[in-house]
Amino acid sequence: GSTVIVETLFSLPGMGSLVVHAAGQGDLPIVQGAVLVIAVTYVVIN
């Protein structure tokens, strides 16, 4: 979830770019889903 800068620099279609773009447009369902997936991944890996 923290590769936002790298994905932006190289124009990569990853989770970071998706969250930033959706938050800028106010697309609430995408922000909720993306943040939840990232958070669940963090908890499961931990």
PDB file of all heavy atoms in Angstrom:
ATOM      1  N   GLY A   1       0.784  -1.226   0.000  1.00  0.00           N
ATOM      2  CA  GLY A   1       0.000   0.000   0.000  1.00  0.00           C
ATOM      3  C   GLY A   1       0.817   1.277   0.000  1.00  0.00           C
ATOM      4  O   GLY A   1       0.250   2.369  -0.077  1.00  0.00           O
ATOM      5  N   SER A   2       2.142   1.163   0.076  1.00  0.00           N
ATOM      6  CA  SER A   2       2.975   2.360   0.190  1.00  0.00           C
ATOM      7  C   SER A   2       3.834   2.594  -1.044  1.00  0.00           C
ATOM      8  O   SER A   2       4.829   3.305  -0.972  1.00  0.00           O
ATOM      9  CB  SER A   2       3.873   2.246   1.427  1.00  0.00           C
ATOM     10  OG  SER A   2       4.755   1.142   1.315  1.00  0.00           O
ATOM     11  N   THR A   3       3.476   1.988  -2.161  1.00  0.00           N
ATOM     12  CA  THR A   3       4.244   2.186  -3.393  1.00  0.00           C
ATOM     13  C   THR A   3       3.632   3.293  -4.247  1.00  0.00           C
ATOM     14  O   THR A   3       3.795   3.301  -5.464  1.00  0.00           O
ATOM     15  CB  THR A   3       4.284   0.877  -4.209  1.00  0.00           C
ATOM     16  OG1 THR A   3       2.937   0.453  -4.479  1.00  0.00           O
ATOM     17  CG2 THR A   3       5.007  -0.220  -3.455  1.00  0.00           C
ATOM     18  N   VAL A   4       2.945   4.231  -3.584  1.00  0.00           N
ATOM     19  CA  VAL A   4       2.230   5.280  -4.321  1.00  0.00           C
ATOM     20  C   VAL A   4       3.209   6.109  -5.149  1.00  0.00           C
ATOM     21  O   VAL A   4       2.963   6.384  -6.335  1.00  0.00           O
ATOM     22  CB  VAL A   4       1.455   6.180  -3.337  1.00  0.00           C
ATOM     23  CG1 VAL A   4       0.769   7.310  -4.091  1.00  0.00           C
ATOM     24  CG2 VAL A   4       0.445   5.357  -2.560  1.00  0.00           C
ATOM     25  N   ILE A   5       4.316   6.527  -4.536  1.00  0.00           N
ATOM     26  CA  ILE A   5       5.267   7.395  -5.231  1.00  0.00           C
ATOM     27  C   ILE A   5       5.857   6.678  -6.439  1.00  0.00           C
ATOM     28  O   ILE A   5       5.944   7.231  -7.544  1.00  0.00           O
ATOM     29  CB  ILE A   5       6.371   7.854  -4.265  1.00  0.00           C
ATOM     30  CG1 ILE A   5       5.773   8.719  -3.156  1.00  0.00           C
ATOM     31  CG2 ILE A   5       7.463   8.615  -5.002  1.00  0.00           C
ATOM     32  CD1 ILE A   5       6.771   9.157  -2.117  1.00  0.00           C
ATOM     33  N   VAL A   6       6.271   5.429  -6.233  1.00  0.00           N
ATOM     34  CA  VAL A   6       6.892   4.673  -7.321  1.00  0.00           C
ATOM     35  C   VAL A   6       5.883   4.412  -8.433  1.00  0.00           C
ATOM     36  O   VAL A   6       6.197   4.556  -9.621  1.00  0.00           O
ATOM     37  CB  VAL A   6       7.479   3.351  -6.786  1.00  0.00           C
ATOM     38  CG1 VAL A   6       8.011   2.503  -7.927  1.00  0.00           C
ATOM     39  CG2 VAL A   6       8.583   3.640  -5.782  1.00  0.00           C
ATOM     40  N   GLU A   7       4.668   4.029  -8.063  1.00  0.00           N
ATOM     41  CA  GLU A   7       3.648   3.774  -9.079  1.00  0.00           C
ATOM     42  C   GLU A   7       3.292   5.050  -9.838  1.00  0.00           C
ATOM     43  O   GLU A   7       2.995   5.002 -11.036  1.00  0.00           O
ATOM     44  CB  GLU A   7       2.403   3.179  -8.413  1.00  0.00           C
ATOM     45  CG  GLU A   7       2.601   1.779  -7.886  1.00  0.00           C
ATOM     46  CD  GLU A   7       1.371   1.229  -7.187  1.00  0.00           C
ATOM     47  OE1 GLU A   7       0.334   1.931  -7.165  1.00  0.00           O
ATOM     48  OE2 GLU A   7       1.445   0.107  -6.665  1.00  0.00           O
ATOM     49  N   THR A   8       3.338   6.183  -9.152  1.00  0.00           N
ATOM     50  CA  THR A   8       3.053   7.450  -9.830  1.00  0.00           C
ATOM     51  C   THR A   8       4.192   7.838 -10.770  1.00  0.00           C
ATOM     52  O   THR A   8       3.959   8.285 -11.897  1.00  0.00           O
ATOM     53  CB  THR A   8       2.824   8.565  -8.796  1.00  0.00           C
ATOM     54  OG1 THR A   8       1.747   8.196  -7.930  1.00  0.00           O
ATOM     55  CG2 THR A   8       2.484   9.875  -9.487  1.00  0.00           C
ATOM     56  N   LEU A   9       5.439   7.664 -10.303  1.00  0.00           N
ATOM     57  CA  LEU A   9       6.591   8.022 -11.134  1.00  0.00           C
ATOM     58  C   LEU A   9       6.630   7.215 -12.422  1.00  0.00           C
ATOM     59  O   LEU A   9       6.939   7.735 -13.497  1.00  0.00           O
ATOM     60  CB  LEU A   9       7.895   7.813 -10.350  1.00  0.00           C
ATOM     61  CG  LEU A   9       8.275   8.861  -9.315  1.00  0.00           C
ATOM     62  CD1 LEU A   9       9.525   8.429  -8.563  1.00  0.00           C
ATOM     63  CD2 LEU A   9       8.484  10.213  -9.961  1.00  0.00           C
ATOM     64  N   PHE A  10       6.306   5.918 -12.309  1.00  0.00           N
ATOM     65  CA  PHE A  10       6.412   5.030 -13.464  1.00  0.00           C
ATOM     66  C   PHE A  10       5.054   4.725 -14.090  1.00  0.00           C
ATOM     67  O   PHE A  10       4.962   3.853 -14.958  1.00  0.00           O
ATOM     68  CB  PHE A  10       7.089   3.723 -13.050  1.00  0.00           C
ATOM     69  CG  PHE A  10       8.523   3.889 -12.636  1.00  0.00           C
ATOM     70  CD1 PHE A  10       8.865   4.077 -11.309  1.00  0.00           C
ATOM     71  CD2 PHE A  10       9.543   3.867 -13.578  1.00  0.00           C
ATOM     72  CE1 PHE A  10      10.188   4.232 -10.922  1.00  0.00           C
ATOM     73  CE2 PHE A  10      10.869   4.026 -13.200  1.00  0.00           C
ATOM     74  CZ  PHE A  10      11.194   4.213 -11.870  1.00  0.00           C
ATOM     75  N   SER A  11       4.002   5.428 -13.642  1.00  0.00           N
ATOM     76  CA  SER A  11       2.649   5.261 -14.208  1.00  0.00           C
ATOM     77  C   SER A  11       2.210   3.804 -14.206  1.00  0.00           C
ATOM     78  O   SER A  11       1.814   3.243 -15.241  1.00  0.00           O
ATOM     79  CB  SER A  11       2.601   5.831 -15.642  1.00  0.00           C
ATOM     80  OG  SER A  11       2.946   7.197 -15.659  1.00  0.00           O
ATOM     81  N   LEU A  12       2.253   3.186 -13.043  1.00  0.00           N
ATOM     82  CA  LEU A  12       1.898   1.777 -12.905  1.00  0.00           C
ATOM     83  C   LEU A  12       0.483   1.641 -12.349  1.00  0.00           C
ATOM     84  O   LEU A  12       0.097   2.385 -11.439  1.00  0.00           O
ATOM     85  CB  LEU A  12       2.891   1.059 -11.986  1.00  0.00           C
ATOM     86  CG  LEU A  12       4.362   1.149 -12.406  1.00  0.00           C
ATOM     87  CD1 LEU A  12       5.239   0.418 -11.410  1.00  0.00           C
ATOM     88  CD2 LEU A  12       4.557   0.591 -13.799  1.00  0.00           C
ATOM     89  N   PRO A  13      -0.295   0.691 -12.852  1.00  0.00           N
ATOM     90  CA  PRO A  13      -1.695   0.540 -12.430  1.00  0.00           C
ATOM     91  C   PRO A  13      -1.844  -0.298 -11.166  1.00  0.00           C
ATOM     92  O   PRO A  13      -2.519  -1.326 -11.156  1.00  0.00           O
ATOM     93  CB  PRO A  13      -2.340  -0.152 -13.634  1.00  0.00           C
ATOM     94  CG  PRO A  13      -1.238  -0.997 -14.204  1.00  0.00           C
ATOM     95  CD  PRO A  13       0.035  -0.216 -13.988  1.00  0.00           C
ATOM     96  N   GLY A  14      -1.210   0.126 -10.063  1.00  0.00           N
ATOM     97  CA  GLY A  14      -1.250  -0.633  -8.823  1.00  0.00           C
ATOM     98  C   GLY A  14      -2.241  -0.069  -7.822  1.00  0.00           C
ATOM     99  O   GLY A  14      -3.005   0.861  -8.102  1.00  0.00           O
ATOM    100  N   MET A  15      -2.202  -0.605  -6.597  1.00  0.00           N
ATOM    101  CA  MET A  15      -3.138  -0.210  -5.555  1.00  0.00           C
ATOM    102  C   MET A  15      -2.918   1.229  -5.122  1.00  0.00           C
ATOM    103  O   MET A  15      -3.872   1.962  -4.850  1.00  0.00           O
ATOM    104  CB  MET A  15      -3.000  -1.149  -4.355  1.00  0.00           C
ATOM    105  CG  MET A  15      -3.420  -2.571  -4.630  1.00  0.00           C
ATOM    106  SD  MET A  15      -5.203  -2.742  -4.856  1.00  0.00           S
ATOM    107  CE  MET A  15      -5.778  -2.546  -3.175  1.00  0.00           C
ATOM    108  N   GLY A  16      -1.667   1.656  -5.035  1.00  0.00           N
ATOM    109  CA  GLY A  16      -1.394   3.019  -4.620  1.00  0.00           C
ATOM    110  C   GLY A  16      -1.990   4.035  -5.564  1.00  0.00           C
ATOM    111  O   GLY A  16      -2.661   4.994  -5.145  1.00  0.00           O
ATOM    112  N   SER A  17      -1.749   3.843  -6.845  1.00  0.00           N
ATOM    113  CA  SER A  17      -2.325   4.755  -7.836  1.00  0.00           C
ATOM    114  C   SER A  17      -3.848   4.714  -7.823  1.00  0.00           C
ATOM    115  O   SER A  17      -4.514   5.741  -7.986  1.00  0.00           O
ATOM    116  CB  SER A  17      -1.809   4.392  -9.232  1.00  0.00           C
ATOM    117  OG  SER A  17      -0.399   4.498  -9.304  1.00  0.00           O
ATOM    118  N   LEU A  18      -4.398   3.529  -7.621  1.00  0.00           N
ATOM    119  CA  LEU A  18      -5.857   3.391  -7.595  1.00  0.00           C
ATOM    120  C   LEU A  18      -6.461   4.172  -6.442  1.00  0.00           C
ATOM    121  O   LEU A  18      -7.462   4.885  -6.613  1.00  0.00           O
ATOM    122  CB  LEU A  18      -6.229   1.907  -7.490  1.00  0.00           C
ATOM    123  CG  LEU A  18      -7.726   1.585  -7.454  1.00  0.00           C
ATOM    124  CD1 LEU A  18      -8.386   1.961  -8.774  1.00  0.00           C
ATOM    125  CD2 LEU A  18      -7.947   0.103  -7.165  1.00  0.00           C
ATOM    126  N   VAL A  19      -5.874   4.071  -5.252  1.00  0.00           N
ATOM    127  CA  VAL A  19      -6.407   4.766  -4.081  1.00  0.00           C
ATOM    128  C   VAL A  19      -6.293   6.279  -4.252  1.00  0.00           C
ATOM    129  O   VAL A  19      -7.237   7.025  -3.967  1.00  0.00           O
ATOM    130  CB  VAL A  19      -5.676   4.302  -2.806  1.00  0.00           C
ATOM    131  CG1 VAL A  19      -6.086   5.156  -1.614  1.00  0.00           C
ATOM    132  CG2 VAL A  19      -5.980   2.848  -2.519  1.00  0.00           C
ATOM    133  N   VAL A  20      -5.138   6.739  -4.691  1.00  0.00           N
ATOM    134  CA  VAL A  20      -4.927   8.180  -4.850  1.00  0.00           C
ATOM    135  C   VAL A  20      -5.905   8.760  -5.884  1.00  0.00           C
ATOM    136  O   VAL A  20      -6.526   9.807  -5.660  1.00  0.00           O
ATOM    137  CB  VAL A  20      -3.466   8.466  -5.261  1.00  0.00           C
ATOM    138  CG1 VAL A  20      -3.292   9.935  -5.640  1.00  0.00           C
ATOM    139  CG2 VAL A  20      -2.524   8.100  -4.142  1.00  0.00           C
ATOM    140  N   HIS A  21      -6.054   8.072  -7.001  1.00  0.00           N
ATOM    141  CA  HIS A  21      -6.951   8.558  -8.050  1.00  0.00           C
ATOM    142  C   HIS A  21      -8.397   8.541  -7.571  1.00  0.00           C
ATOM    143  O   HIS A  21      -9.152   9.502  -7.813  1.00  0.00           O
ATOM    144  CB  HIS A  21      -6.794   7.679  -9.287  1.00  0.00           C
ATOM    145  CG  HIS A  21      -7.576   8.155 -10.473  1.00  0.00           C
ATOM    146  ND1 HIS A  21      -7.276   9.323 -11.157  1.00  0.00           N
ATOM    147  CD2 HIS A  21      -8.669   7.635 -11.109  1.00  0.00           C
ATOM    148  CE1 HIS A  21      -8.132   9.500 -12.139  1.00  0.00           C
ATOM    149  NE2 HIS A  21      -8.989   8.487 -12.134  1.00  0.00           N
ATOM    150  N   ALA A  22      -8.806   7.478  -6.885  1.00  0.00           N
ATOM    151  CA  ALA A  22     -10.188   7.380  -6.416  1.00  0.00           C
ATOM    152  C   ALA A  22     -10.476   8.406  -5.328  1.00  0.00           C
ATOM    153  O   ALA A  22     -11.556   9.010  -5.299  1.00  0.00           O
ATOM    154  CB  ALA A  22     -10.464   5.970  -5.905  1.00  0.00           C
ATOM    155  N   ALA A  23      -9.514   8.619  -4.418  1.00  0.00           N
ATOM    156  CA  ALA A  23      -9.720   9.605  -3.359  1.00  0.00           C
ATOM    157  C   ALA A  23      -9.829  11.010  -3.939  1.00  0.00           C
ATOM    158  O   ALA A  23     -10.621  11.832  -3.459  1.00  0.00           O
ATOM    159  CB  ALA A  23      -8.576   9.534  -2.354  1.00  0.00           C
ATOM    160  N   GLY A  24      -9.053  11.309  -4.963  1.00  0.00           N
ATOM    161  CA  GLY A  24      -9.133  12.619  -5.594  1.00  0.00           C
ATOM    162  C   GLY A  24     -10.467  12.867  -6.268  1.00  0.00           C
ATOM    163  O   GLY A  24     -10.927  14.013  -6.335  1.00  0.00           O
ATOM    164  N   GLN A  25     -11.104  11.829  -6.750  1.00  0.00           N
ATOM    165  CA  GLN A  25     -12.402  11.963  -7.418  1.00  0.00           C
ATOM    166  C   GLN A  25     -13.577  11.765  -6.467  1.00  0.00           C
ATOM    167  O   GLN A  25     -14.728  11.933  -6.873  1.00  0.00           O
ATOM    168  CB  GLN A  25     -12.509  10.949  -8.559  1.00  0.00           C
ATOM    169  CG  GLN A  25     -11.567  11.203  -9.717  1.00  0.00           C
ATOM    170  CD  GLN A  25     -11.798  10.233 -10.852  1.00  0.00           C
ATOM    171  OE1 GLN A  25     -11.986   9.035 -10.639  1.00  0.00           O
ATOM    172  NE2 GLN A  25     -11.785  10.750 -12.083  1.00  0.00           N
ATOM    173  N   GLY A  26     -13.287  11.361  -5.221  1.00  0.00           N
ATOM    174  CA  GLY A  26     -14.366  11.102  -4.286  1.00  0.00           C
ATOM    175  C   GLY A  26     -15.090   9.802  -4.537  1.00  0.00           C
ATOM    176  O   GLY A  26     -16.265   9.663  -4.195  1.00  0.00           O
ATOM    177  N   ASP A  27     -14.395   8.831  -5.128  1.00  0.00           N
ATOM    178  CA  ASP A  27     -15.004   7.526  -5.426  1.00  0.00           C
ATOM    179  C   ASP A  27     -14.912   6.658  -4.172  1.00  0.00           C
ATOM    180  O   ASP A  27     -13.975   5.877  -3.986  1.00  0.00           O
ATOM    181  CB  ASP A  27     -14.285   6.870  -6.604  1.00  0.00           C
ATOM    182  CG  ASP A  27     -15.157   5.840  -7.299  1.00  0.00           C
ATOM    183  OD1 ASP A  27     -16.067   5.306  -6.636  1.00  0.00           O
ATOM    184  OD2 ASP A  27     -14.958   5.584  -8.498  1.00  0.00           O
ATOM    185  N   LEU A  28     -15.898   6.788  -3.302  1.00  0.00           N
ATOM    186  CA  LEU A  28     -15.870   6.166  -1.989  1.00  0.00           C
ATOM    187  C   LEU A  28     -15.776   4.645  -2.025  1.00  0.00           C
ATOM    188  O   LEU A  28     -14.992   4.062  -1.279  1.00  0.00           O
ATOM    189  CB  LEU A  28     -17.100   6.605  -1.196  1.00  0.00           C
ATOM    190  CG  LEU A  28     -17.189   6.148   0.261  1.00  0.00           C
ATOM    191  CD1 LEU A  28     -16.011   6.675   1.051  1.00  0.00           C
ATOM    192  CD2 LEU A  28     -18.507   6.608   0.881  1.00  0.00           C
ATOM    193  N   PRO A  29     -16.550   3.922  -2.828  1.00  0.00           N
ATOM    194  CA  PRO A  29     -16.458   2.454  -2.803  1.00  0.00           C
ATOM    195  C   PRO A  29     -15.060   1.926  -3.143  1.00  0.00           C
ATOM    196  O   PRO A  29     -14.603   0.951  -2.542  1.00  0.00           O
ATOM    197  CB  PRO A  29     -17.486   2.023  -3.860  1.00  0.00           C
ATOM    198  CG  PRO A  29     -18.461   3.139  -3.924  1.00  0.00           C
ATOM    199  CD  PRO A  29     -17.649   4.378  -3.711  1.00  0.00           C
ATOM    200  N   ILE A  30     -14.369   2.566  -4.081  1.00  0.00           N
ATOM    201  CA  ILE A  30     -13.027   2.100  -4.432  1.00  0.00           C
ATOM    202  C   ILE A  30     -12.061   2.368  -3.287  1.00  0.00           C
ATOM    203  O   ILE A  30     -11.205   1.523  -2.955  1.00  0.00           O
ATOM    204  CB  ILE A  30     -12.546   2.781  -5.722  1.00  0.00           C
ATOM    205  CG1 ILE A  30     -13.351   2.270  -6.918  1.00  0.00           C
ATOM    206  CG2 ILE A  30     -11.061   2.529  -5.955  1.00  0.00           C
ATOM    207  CD1 ILE A  30     -12.895   2.824  -8.249  1.00  0.00           C
ATOM    208  N   VAL A  31     -12.173   3.528  -2.655  1.00  0.00           N
ATOM    209  CA  VAL A  31     -11.298   3.835  -1.519  1.00  0.00           C
ATOM    210  C   VAL A  31     -11.527   2.837  -0.395  1.00  0.00           C
ATOM    211  O   VAL A  31     -10.570   2.304   0.190  1.00  0.00           O
ATOM    212  CB  VAL A  31     -11.547   5.277  -1.029  1.00  0.00           C
ATOM    213  CG1 VAL A  31     -10.741   5.559   0.232  1.00  0.00           C
ATOM    214  CG2 VAL A  31     -11.177   6.281  -2.109  1.00  0.00           C
ATOM    215  N   GLN A  32     -12.783   2.569  -0.066  1.00  0.00           N
ATOM    216  CA  GLN A  32     -13.087   1.615   0.993  1.00  0.00           C
ATOM    217  C   GLN A  32     -12.553   0.231   0.671  1.00  0.00           C
ATOM    218  O   GLN A  32     -11.911  -0.415   1.513  1.00  0.00           O
ATOM    219  CB  GLN A  32     -14.600   1.550   1.206  1.00  0.00           C
ATOM    220  CG  GLN A  32     -15.192   2.771   1.874  1.00  0.00           C
ATOM    221  CD  GLN A  32     -16.701   2.672   2.001  1.00  0.00           C
ATOM    222  OE1 GLN A  32     -17.380   2.039   1.194  1.00  0.00           O
ATOM    223  NE2 GLN A  32     -17.235   3.323   3.030  1.00  0.00           N
ATOM    224  N   GLY A  33     -12.793  -0.247  -0.540  1.00  0.00           N
ATOM    225  CA  GLY A  33     -12.350  -1.581  -0.914  1.00  0.00           C
ATOM    226  C   GLY A  33     -10.841  -1.703  -0.942  1.00  0.00           C
ATOM    227  O   GLY A  33     -10.274  -2.686  -0.435  1.00  0.00           O
ATOM    228  N   ALA A  34     -10.163  -0.706  -1.511  1.00  0.00           N
ATOM    229  CA  ALA A  34      -8.706  -0.772  -1.616  1.00  0.00           C
ATOM    230  C   ALA A  34      -8.047  -0.704  -0.252  1.00  0.00           C
ATOM    231  O   ALA A  34      -7.126  -1.484   0.042  1.00  0.00           O
ATOM    232  CB  ALA A  34      -8.202   0.355  -2.511  1.00  0.00           C
ATOM    233  N   VAL A  35      -8.495   0.203   0.595  1.00  0.00           N
ATOM    234  CA  VAL A  35      -7.911   0.319   1.933  1.00  0.00           C
ATOM    235  C   VAL A  35      -8.162  -0.944   2.743  1.00  0.00           C
ATOM    236  O   VAL A  35      -7.281  -1.410   3.488  1.00  0.00           O
ATOM    237  CB  VAL A  35      -8.480   1.560   2.651  1.00  0.00           C
ATOM    238  CG1 VAL A  35      -8.014   1.603   4.097  1.00  0.00           C
ATOM    239  CG2 VAL A  35      -8.051   2.833   1.936  1.00  0.00           C
ATOM    240  N   LEU A  36      -9.356  -1.519   2.608  1.00  0.00           N
ATOM    241  CA  LEU A  36      -9.655  -2.752   3.332  1.00  0.00           C
ATOM    242  C   LEU A  36      -8.750  -3.893   2.872  1.00  0.00           C
ATOM    243  O   LEU A  36      -8.219  -4.652   3.703  1.00  0.00           O
ATOM    244  CB  LEU A  36     -11.122  -3.136   3.144  1.00  0.00           C
ATOM    245  CG  LEU A  36     -11.559  -4.427   3.838  1.00  0.00           C
ATOM    246  CD1 LEU A  36     -11.419  -4.291   5.352  1.00  0.00           C
ATOM    247  CD2 LEU A  36     -12.996  -4.779   3.470  1.00  0.00           C
ATOM    248  N   VAL A  37      -8.563  -4.048   1.573  1.00  0.00           N
ATOM    249  CA  VAL A  37      -7.711  -5.115   1.052  1.00  0.00           C
ATOM    250  C   VAL A  37      -6.271  -4.946   1.552  1.00  0.00           C
ATOM    251  O   VAL A  37      -5.617  -5.912   1.977  1.00  0.00           O
ATOM    252  CB  VAL A  37      -7.751  -5.134  -0.487  1.00  0.00           C
ATOM    253  CG1 VAL A  37      -6.660  -6.041  -1.048  1.00  0.00           C
ATOM    254  CG2 VAL A  37      -9.118  -5.602  -0.966  1.00  0.00           C
ATOM    255  N   ILE A  38      -5.765  -3.717   1.529  1.00  0.00           N
ATOM    256  CA  ILE A  38      -4.405  -3.462   1.998  1.00  0.00           C
ATOM    257  C   ILE A  38      -4.287  -3.760   3.493  1.00  0.00           C
ATOM    258  O   ILE A  38      -3.324  -4.398   3.943  1.00  0.00           O
ATOM    259  CB  ILE A  38      -4.001  -2.009   1.703  1.00  0.00           C
ATOM    260  CG1 ILE A  38      -3.903  -1.787   0.195  1.00  0.00           C
ATOM    261  CG2 ILE A  38      -2.668  -1.670   2.365  1.00  0.00           C
ATOM    262  CD1 ILE A  38      -3.703  -0.339  -0.198  1.00  0.00           C
ATOM    263  N   ALA A  39      -5.279  -3.319   4.274  1.00  0.00           N
ATOM    264  CA  ALA A  39      -5.234  -3.544   5.718  1.00  0.00           C
ATOM    265  C   ALA A  39      -5.337  -5.021   6.065  1.00  0.00           C
ATOM    266  O   ALA A  39      -4.607  -5.520   6.936  1.00  0.00           O
ATOM    267  CB  ALA A  39      -6.368  -2.767   6.392  1.00  0.00           C
ATOM    268  N   VAL A  40      -6.232  -5.741   5.391  1.00  0.00           N
ATOM    269  CA  VAL A  40      -6.371  -7.177   5.642  1.00  0.00           C
ATOM    270  C   VAL A  40      -5.091  -7.913   5.252  1.00  0.00           C
ATOM    271  O   VAL A  40      -4.640  -8.829   5.961  1.00  0.00           O
ATOM    272  CB  VAL A  40      -7.591  -7.734   4.883  1.00  0.00           C
ATOM    273  CG1 VAL A  40      -7.595  -9.254   4.922  1.00  0.00           C
ATOM    274  CG2 VAL A  40      -8.879  -7.200   5.479  1.00  0.00           C
ATOM    275  N   THR A  41      -4.490  -7.517   4.153  1.00  0.00           N
ATOM    276  CA  THR A  41      -3.225  -8.134   3.742  1.00  0.00           C
ATOM    277  C   THR A  41      -2.152  -7.931   4.799  1.00  0.00           C
ATOM    278  O   THR A  41      -1.394  -8.844   5.130  1.00  0.00           O
ATOM    279  CB  THR A  41      -2.757  -7.536   2.405  1.00  0.00           C
ATOM    280  OG1 THR A  41      -3.765  -7.743   1.417  1.00  0.00           O
ATOM    281  CG2 THR A  41      -1.465  -8.192   1.940  1.00  0.00           C
ATOM    282  N   TYR A  42      -2.085  -6.728   5.355  1.00  0.00           N
ATOM    283  CA  TYR A  42      -1.105  -6.433   6.399  1.00  0.00           C
ATOM    284  C   TYR A  42      -1.324  -7.324   7.620  1.00  0.00           C
ATOM    285  O   TYR A  42      -0.376  -7.895   8.164  1.00  0.00           O
ATOM    286  CB  TYR A  42      -1.205  -4.958   6.787  1.00  0.00           C
ATOM    287  CG  TYR A  42      -0.104  -4.481   7.690  1.00  0.00           C
ATOM    288  CD1 TYR A  42       1.042  -3.901   7.171  1.00  0.00           C
ATOM    289  CD2 TYR A  42      -0.204  -4.602   9.071  1.00  0.00           C
ATOM    290  CE1 TYR A  42       2.057  -3.462   7.991  1.00  0.00           C
ATOM    291  CE2 TYR A  42       0.802  -4.163   9.904  1.00  0.00           C
ATOM    292  CZ  TYR A  42       1.941  -3.592   9.362  1.00  0.00           C
ATOM    293  OH  TYR A  42       2.944  -3.173  10.187  1.00  0.00           O
ATOM    294  N   VAL A  43      -2.573  -7.446   8.052  1.00  0.00           N
ATOM    295  CA  VAL A  43      -2.881  -8.246   9.241  1.00  0.00           C
ATOM    296  C   VAL A  43      -2.567  -9.722   8.998  1.00  0.00           C
ATOM    297  O   VAL A  43      -1.969 -10.398   9.851  1.00  0.00           O
ATOM    298  CB  VAL A  43      -4.353  -8.063   9.640  1.00  0.00           C
ATOM    299  CG1 VAL A  43      -4.736  -9.031  10.757  1.00  0.00           C
ATOM    300  CG2 VAL A  43      -4.611  -6.629  10.087  1.00  0.00           C
ATOM    301  N   VAL A  44      -2.957 -10.244   7.841  1.00  0.00           N
ATOM    302  CA  VAL A  44      -2.738 -11.660   7.540  1.00  0.00           C
ATOM    303  C   VAL A  44      -1.240 -11.974   7.453  1.00  0.00           C
ATOM    304  O   VAL A  44      -0.765 -12.984   7.995  1.00  0.00           O
ATOM    305  CB  VAL A  44      -3.466 -12.050   6.240  1.00  0.00           C
ATOM    306  CG1 VAL A  44      -3.068 -13.456   5.803  1.00  0.00           C
ATOM    307  CG2 VAL A  44      -4.971 -11.966   6.435  1.00  0.00           C
ATOM    308  N   ILE A  45      -0.479 -11.120   6.790  1.00  0.00           N
ATOM    309  CA  ILE A  45       0.963 -11.360   6.678  1.00  0.00           C
ATOM    310  C   ILE A  45       1.627 -11.262   8.038  1.00  0.00           C
ATOM    311  O   ILE A  45       2.525 -12.057   8.369  1.00  0.00           O
ATOM    312  CB  ILE A  45       1.593 -10.371   5.683  1.00  0.00           C
ATOM    313  CG1 ILE A  45       1.102 -10.665   4.268  1.00  0.00           C
ATOM    314  CG2 ILE A  45       3.113 -10.438   5.730  1.00  0.00           C
ATOM    315  CD1 ILE A  45       1.651  -9.727   3.216  1.00  0.00           C
ATOM    316  N   ASN A  46       1.198 -10.323   8.856  1.00  0.00           N
ATOM    317  CA  ASN A  46       1.751 -10.204  10.200  1.00  0.00           C
ATOM    318  C   ASN A  46       1.474 -11.458  11.018  1.00  0.00           C
ATOM    319  O   ASN A  46       2.341 -11.937  11.769  1.00  0.00           O
ATOM    320  CB  ASN A  46       1.156  -8.980  10.889  1.00  0.00           C
ATOM    321  CG  ASN A  46       1.901  -8.616  12.161  1.00  0.00           C
ATOM    322  OD1 ASN A  46       3.037  -9.034  12.360  1.00  0.00           O
ATOM    323  ND2 ASN A  46       1.270  -7.841  13.013  1.00  0.00           N
TER     324      ASN A  46
END
